[in-house]
Amino acid sequence: MIENSNMAELFTDIKEHVLYLQELGVDELQVDFAGLTQKAPERELPAVEKTVVHEPAMIPELPKVLPTAKQRSGSRINALPSLGDRKKPVPSNAVSPAAIALARAEASEANSRELLAAANLPELPDSDETIEQIRHDIGNCTRCPLHEGRTKIVHTTGNFTADLMFIGEAPGADEDAKGEPFVGRAGKLLTQIIEAIGFSRETVAIGNINRCRPPGNRQPTLPEAHTCRPFLMREIAVIKPKVIVVLGNTAMHNLLDTKVGISKMRGQFHDYFNVKVMPTFHPAYLLRDPHKKREVWDDMKKVRDYLASAQPD
């Protein structure tokens, strides 16, 4: 049997907890009274003392209005901070500003693609821009953190009416110093590849997804790539090449919006608004693994043959 003093203290605790929940804005409280039942100790008691009642009716009716501060004085709930003074928890899934900017850029680009698809445009839209106008819009770009460590902005160069365009990842140290794409060791190898299929650097267009060198030649982050990519897409609309060769995973992923590895994508043409896209290994990768040169050569022969067949009679 529960003594009267213990019962009174129990009711006081319950009232204070319920008042606290009401202050937090809890409108409804469900209690499993059956789950609160404890097994009575096994001892000989009079029959009346063995009866333990756990009915809601045993709980006194709560006041409909919260007690005043004076009424709560001396109560344990009074030691709790008021609702206005409690600090709001910071959600663990808070989104960073960089993630928000990336999401907006992706939404904008996705909307542009949907508009093109809805208009049933099989080809790149006509552009009345010039490369000079695009460069003017880029200006002394500070749109992403890469500008902090760059020496020069590396713009797309070459023939801006070319049938063939090469797109890489980002400038390296040599490109950053000179302000031109693919002028280091990897660039010399790319020149040899271009010449092997009957072209020259002056007859093709060459650019990168990003125009500023990432620190330590690391891969550009998604926000960095998504910030710079729209300018490249505008250049493609101006140049209107028949074939784009994307060099390496980063360039391929950003242009074709795919996460498939380049080993599975290379060797076959893919479509970018009726522009043929041939993914192949980056020349820098070939410097580390020369055995892949044979695969790149096979890819470039397909590019050469396609362009030869696409020439007017």
Protein backbone atom coordinates (compact mmCIF):
# COMPACT_ATOMS: atom_id res chain seq x y z
CA MET A 1 0.00 0.00 0.00
CA ILE A 2 1.34 3.41 -0.93
CA GLU A 3 1.51 5.80 1.99
CA ASN A 4 -0.43 9.04 1.72
CA SER A 5 2.73 11.20 1.87
CA ASN A 6 4.33 9.25 -1.00
CA MET A 7 1.12 9.46 -3.03
CA ALA A 8 0.94 13.21 -2.54
CA GLU A 9 4.56 13.64 -3.63
CA LEU A 10 3.89 11.44 -6.68
CA PHE A 11 0.91 13.58 -7.71
CA THR A 12 2.98 16.73 -7.22
CA ASP A 13 5.71 15.38 -9.51
CA ILE A 14 3.16 14.38 -12.14
CA LYS A 15 1.51 17.81 -12.07
CA GLU A 16 4.85 19.59 -12.40
CA HIS A 17 5.92 17.42 -15.34
CA VAL A 18 2.59 17.95 -17.11
CA LEU A 19 2.81 21.72 -16.55
CA TYR A 20 6.32 21.66 -18.01
CA LEU A 21 5.06 19.81 -21.08
CA GLN A 22 2.23 22.32 -21.46
CA GLU A 23 4.74 25.16 -21.36
CA LEU A 24 6.65 23.43 -24.18
CA GLY A 25 3.46 23.38 -26.24
CA VAL A 26 2.51 19.70 -25.85
CA ASP A 27 -1.25 19.51 -26.34
CA GLU A 28 -1.73 15.80 -25.87
CA LEU A 29 -0.03 13.21 -23.70
CA GLN A 30 -0.58 9.48 -23.92
CA VAL A 31 0.48 7.33 -20.99
CA ASP A 32 0.57 3.56 -20.94
CA PHE A 33 -0.51 2.96 -17.37
CA ALA A 34 -0.34 -0.79 -17.87
CA GLY A 35 3.36 -0.43 -18.63
CA LEU A 36 3.89 1.44 -15.34
CA THR A 37 2.48 -1.37 -13.23
CA GLN A 38 5.10 -2.88 -10.97
CA LYS A 39 4.86 -6.26 -9.44
CA ALA A 40 4.00 -5.97 -5.74
CA PRO A 41 6.43 -7.59 -3.36
CA GLU A 42 5.41 -11.06 -2.35
CA ARG A 43 4.39 -10.73 1.26
CA GLU A 44 1.35 -11.51 3.26
CA LEU A 45 -0.91 -8.45 3.33
CA PRO A 46 -4.56 -8.01 4.04
CA ALA A 47 -6.70 -8.37 0.93
CA VAL A 48 -7.50 -4.67 0.85
CA GLU A 49 -3.81 -3.74 0.85
CA LYS A 50 -3.09 -5.95 -2.19
CA THR A 51 -5.29 -3.84 -4.40
CA VAL A 52 -3.23 -1.38 -6.40
CA VAL A 53 -5.28 0.89 -8.66
CA HIS A 54 -3.70 2.40 -11.82
CA GLU A 55 -6.66 4.15 -13.35
CA PRO A 56 -6.48 7.62 -14.91
CA ALA A 57 -9.30 8.66 -12.63
CA MET A 58 -6.86 8.55 -9.75
CA ILE A 59 -4.99 11.58 -11.16
CA PRO A 60 -6.47 14.85 -9.90
CA GLU A 61 -7.79 17.18 -12.57
CA LEU A 62 -5.13 19.57 -13.82
CA PRO A 63 -5.75 23.31 -13.75
CA LYS A 64 -6.88 24.72 -17.09
CA VAL A 65 -4.68 27.80 -16.66
CA LEU A 66 -0.97 27.68 -15.92
CA PRO A 67 -0.15 28.83 -12.40
CA THR A 68 1.46 32.19 -11.97
CA ALA A 69 5.13 32.63 -11.14
CA LYS A 70 4.17 33.39 -7.57
CA GLN A 71 2.13 30.21 -7.37
CA ARG A 72 5.04 28.24 -8.76
CA SER A 73 7.54 29.70 -6.30
CA GLY A 74 9.16 26.96 -4.29
CA SER A 75 8.20 24.39 -6.91
CA ARG A 76 10.85 22.32 -8.63
CA ILE A 77 9.55 23.34 -12.03
CA ASN A 78 10.35 26.95 -11.15
CA ALA A 79 14.05 26.08 -11.38
CA LEU A 80 13.63 25.26 -15.06
CA PRO A 81 14.44 28.02 -17.59
CA SER A 82 11.46 29.74 -19.12
CA LEU A 83 10.54 28.84 -22.68
CA GLY A 84 11.80 32.15 -24.03
CA ASP A 85 15.22 31.67 -22.46
CA ARG A 86 15.80 28.18 -23.76
CA LYS A 87 18.27 27.94 -26.64
CA LYS A 88 16.87 26.55 -29.86
CA PRO A 89 18.74 23.43 -30.94
CA VAL A 90 20.76 23.69 -34.15
CA PRO A 91 19.59 20.95 -36.54
CA SER A 92 22.28 18.41 -37.31
CA ASN A 93 21.34 18.46 -40.99
CA ALA A 94 21.86 22.22 -41.46
CA VAL A 95 22.71 23.01 -45.10
CA SER A 96 25.87 25.00 -45.82
CA PRO A 97 25.79 28.12 -48.02
CA ALA A 98 27.99 26.33 -50.57
CA ALA A 99 25.49 23.48 -50.82
CA ILE A 100 22.65 25.97 -51.28
CA ALA A 101 24.55 27.77 -54.07
CA LEU A 102 25.27 24.44 -55.75
CA ALA A 103 21.64 23.37 -55.53
CA ARG A 104 20.52 26.65 -57.10
CA ALA A 105 23.04 26.33 -59.92
CA GLU A 106 21.96 22.75 -60.60
CA ALA A 107 18.28 23.73 -60.53
CA SER A 108 18.91 26.58 -62.97
CA GLU A 109 20.82 24.35 -65.36
CA ALA A 110 18.27 21.54 -65.06
CA ASN A 111 15.53 24.05 -65.89
CA SER A 112 17.43 25.18 -69.00
CA ARG A 113 17.78 21.58 -70.15
CA GLU A 114 14.07 20.94 -69.55
CA LEU A 115 13.15 24.03 -71.56
CA LEU A 116 15.32 22.87 -74.44
CA ALA A 117 13.79 19.41 -74.30
CA ALA A 118 10.25 20.82 -74.10
CA ALA A 119 10.92 22.94 -77.16
CA ASN A 120 12.08 19.80 -79.01
CA LEU A 121 15.36 21.44 -79.93
CA PRO A 122 17.58 18.69 -81.39
CA GLU A 123 20.54 21.03 -81.65
CA LEU A 124 22.26 23.72 -79.67
CA PRO A 125 20.23 26.94 -79.59
CA ASP A 126 21.37 29.74 -81.86
CA SER A 127 23.63 32.20 -80.10
CA ASP A 128 24.29 35.78 -81.14
CA GLU A 129 27.08 36.11 -78.57
CA THR A 130 30.77 36.26 -79.27
CA ILE A 131 33.62 34.68 -77.34
CA GLU A 132 34.80 38.19 -76.47
CA GLN A 133 31.43 39.00 -74.90
CA ILE A 134 31.56 35.83 -72.80
CA ARG A 135 35.07 36.70 -71.63
CA HIS A 136 33.87 40.19 -70.75
CA ASP A 137 31.11 38.67 -68.61
CA ILE A 138 33.65 36.47 -66.87
CA GLY A 139 35.79 39.52 -66.13
CA ASN A 140 38.25 39.30 -63.25
CA CYS A 141 36.21 36.43 -61.85
CA THR A 142 35.89 36.02 -58.08
CA ARG A 143 32.81 33.78 -58.15
CA CYS A 144 34.48 30.81 -56.43
CA PRO A 145 37.45 30.39 -54.05
CA LEU A 146 39.81 29.29 -56.86
CA HIS A 147 40.47 32.93 -57.76
CA GLU A 148 42.42 33.37 -54.54
CA GLY A 149 45.37 31.26 -55.70
CA ARG A 150 45.38 31.76 -59.44
CA THR A 151 47.94 33.67 -61.49
CA LYS A 152 45.87 34.01 -64.68
CA ILE A 153 42.42 33.05 -65.89
CA VAL A 154 42.81 30.34 -68.53
CA HIS A 155 40.22 30.89 -71.26
CA THR A 156 39.25 28.64 -74.15
CA THR A 157 41.56 29.17 -77.12
CA GLY A 158 41.89 28.13 -80.75
CA ASN A 159 39.44 28.25 -83.63
CA PHE A 160 36.00 29.45 -82.50
CA THR A 161 34.30 28.03 -85.60
CA ALA A 162 36.00 24.63 -85.29
CA ASP A 163 34.35 21.28 -85.98
CA LEU A 164 36.40 19.71 -83.20
CA MET A 165 36.66 20.86 -79.58
CA PHE A 166 38.66 19.44 -76.64
CA ILE A 167 37.56 19.99 -73.04
CA GLY A 168 39.69 19.14 -70.03
CA GLU A 169 39.35 19.48 -66.28
CA ALA A 170 41.24 22.58 -65.11
CA PRO A 171 44.56 24.39 -65.65
CA GLY A 172 47.81 23.12 -64.18
CA ALA A 173 50.83 25.10 -63.06
CA ASP A 174 52.11 25.79 -66.59
CA GLU A 175 48.68 26.83 -67.82
CA ASP A 176 48.15 29.07 -64.78
CA ALA A 177 51.47 30.83 -65.46
CA LYS A 178 50.91 31.32 -69.19
CA GLY A 179 47.14 31.79 -69.28
CA GLU A 180 46.57 29.16 -72.00
CA PRO A 181 45.10 25.65 -71.74
CA PHE A 182 47.22 22.51 -72.22
CA VAL A 183 50.71 23.97 -72.57
CA GLY A 184 52.59 21.72 -70.11
CA ARG A 185 53.69 18.12 -70.58
CA ALA A 186 50.10 16.92 -70.92
CA GLY A 187 49.50 19.72 -73.41
CA LYS A 188 52.39 18.61 -75.59
CA LEU A 189 50.97 15.10 -75.65
CA LEU A 190 47.55 16.49 -76.58
CA THR A 191 49.15 18.40 -79.46
CA GLN A 192 50.62 15.12 -80.74
CA ILE A 193 47.21 13.43 -80.49
CA ILE A 194 45.55 16.27 -82.40
CA GLU A 195 48.17 16.18 -85.13
CA ALA A 196 47.94 12.38 -85.39
CA ILE A 197 44.35 12.66 -86.69
CA GLY A 198 45.17 15.39 -89.20
CA PHE A 199 44.43 18.57 -87.24
CA SER A 200 46.50 21.23 -85.53
CA ARG A 201 45.98 23.24 -82.37
CA GLU A 202 45.13 26.28 -84.47
CA THR A 203 42.24 24.45 -86.19
CA VAL A 204 40.50 23.14 -83.05
CA ALA A 205 39.11 24.74 -79.89
CA ILE A 206 40.60 23.81 -76.53
CA GLY A 207 39.22 24.66 -73.09
CA ASN A 208 38.53 23.39 -69.58
CA ILE A 209 35.59 23.02 -67.25
CA ASN A 210 37.32 25.37 -64.79
CA ARG A 211 39.42 28.38 -65.79
CA CYS A 212 41.39 28.74 -62.55
CA ARG A 213 43.96 26.31 -61.22
CA PRO A 214 42.88 24.35 -58.12
CA PRO A 215 45.50 24.29 -55.35
CA GLY A 216 47.98 21.46 -55.82
CA ASN A 217 46.27 20.50 -59.10
CA ARG A 218 43.48 18.84 -57.13
CA GLN A 219 40.16 18.03 -58.77
CA PRO A 220 37.71 20.97 -58.79
CA THR A 221 34.89 20.66 -56.29
CA LEU A 222 31.31 20.47 -57.53
CA PRO A 223 30.50 24.08 -56.52
CA GLU A 224 33.65 25.27 -58.33
CA ALA A 225 32.83 23.29 -61.47
CA HIS A 226 29.17 24.33 -61.47
CA THR A 227 30.13 27.97 -61.06
CA CYS A 228 32.41 27.95 -64.11
CA ARG A 229 30.60 25.52 -66.39
CA PRO A 230 27.84 27.87 -67.67
CA PHE A 231 30.45 30.01 -69.44
CA LEU A 232 31.82 26.93 -71.21
CA MET A 233 28.31 25.93 -72.27
CA ARG A 234 27.79 29.40 -73.76
CA GLU A 235 31.07 29.01 -75.67
CA ILE A 236 29.94 25.65 -77.05
CA ALA A 237 26.74 27.32 -78.28
CA VAL A 238 28.87 29.92 -80.08
CA ILE A 239 31.41 27.48 -81.57
CA LYS A 240 28.89 24.74 -82.44
CA PRO A 241 31.47 21.97 -82.94
CA LYS A 242 30.48 18.72 -84.59
CA VAL A 243 32.50 16.69 -82.05
CA ILE A 244 33.62 17.39 -78.50
CA VAL A 245 36.37 15.24 -76.99
CA VAL A 246 36.11 15.30 -73.19
CA LEU A 247 39.38 14.47 -71.50
CA GLY A 248 39.05 12.62 -68.22
CA ASN A 249 36.31 11.90 -65.70
CA THR A 250 35.77 15.43 -64.40
CA ALA A 251 35.17 16.95 -67.83
CA MET A 252 32.93 14.06 -68.86
CA HIS A 253 30.86 14.09 -65.67
CA ASN A 254 30.25 17.83 -65.88
CA LEU A 255 29.36 17.95 -69.56
CA LEU A 256 27.23 14.81 -69.79
CA ASP A 257 25.75 14.88 -66.27
CA THR A 258 26.75 11.31 -65.55
CA LYS A 259 28.52 9.52 -62.72
CA VAL A 260 29.58 6.54 -64.81
CA GLY A 261 33.33 6.06 -65.01
CA ILE A 262 35.18 7.02 -68.16
CA SER A 263 36.43 3.45 -68.69
CA LYS A 264 32.83 2.47 -69.44
CA MET A 265 31.93 5.61 -71.41
CA ARG A 266 34.98 5.94 -73.65
CA GLY A 267 35.09 4.47 -77.11
CA GLN A 268 31.53 5.42 -78.06
CA PHE A 269 29.82 8.63 -79.02
CA HIS A 270 27.37 10.31 -76.68
CA ASP A 271 24.95 13.12 -77.47
CA TYR A 272 25.00 16.70 -76.25
CA PHE A 273 22.20 18.51 -78.12
CA ASN A 274 23.14 16.80 -81.38
CA VAL A 275 26.85 17.34 -80.80
CA LYS A 276 28.80 14.09 -80.72
CA VAL A 277 30.82 13.70 -77.52
CA MET A 278 33.71 11.25 -77.30
CA PRO A 279 35.05 10.66 -73.78
CA THR A 280 38.66 9.51 -73.55
CA PHE A 281 41.51 9.49 -71.05
CA HIS A 282 43.18 12.74 -70.04
CA PRO A 283 46.72 13.21 -71.43
CA ALA A 284 48.04 13.60 -67.87
CA TYR A 285 46.72 10.12 -67.14
CA LEU A 286 48.52 8.78 -70.21
CA LEU A 287 51.79 10.17 -68.84
CA ARG A 288 51.27 8.02 -65.75
CA ASP A 289 50.01 4.98 -67.65
CA PRO A 290 51.33 4.92 -71.24
CA HIS A 291 49.59 1.58 -71.87
CA LYS A 292 46.30 3.50 -72.24
CA LYS A 293 47.58 5.34 -75.31
CA ARG A 294 46.29 2.54 -77.55
CA GLU A 295 42.75 3.04 -76.25
CA VAL A 296 42.96 6.80 -76.77
CA TRP A 297 44.22 6.23 -80.29
CA ASP A 298 41.22 3.98 -80.99
CA ASP A 299 38.89 6.71 -79.69
CA MET A 300 40.54 9.41 -81.78
CA LYS A 301 40.32 7.34 -84.96
CA LYS A 302 36.57 7.19 -84.48
CA VAL A 303 36.52 10.97 -84.09
CA ARG A 304 38.61 11.39 -87.25
CA ASP A 305 36.41 9.03 -89.26
CA TYR A 306 33.20 10.67 -88.08
CA LEU A 307 34.39 14.14 -89.00
CA ALA A 308 35.53 12.88 -92.40
CA SER A 309 32.11 11.38 -93.06
CA ALA A 310 30.33 14.53 -91.86
CA GLN A 311 32.10 16.73 -94.43
CA PRO A 312 29.88 17.87 -97.32
CA ASP A 313 30.56 16.19 -100.65
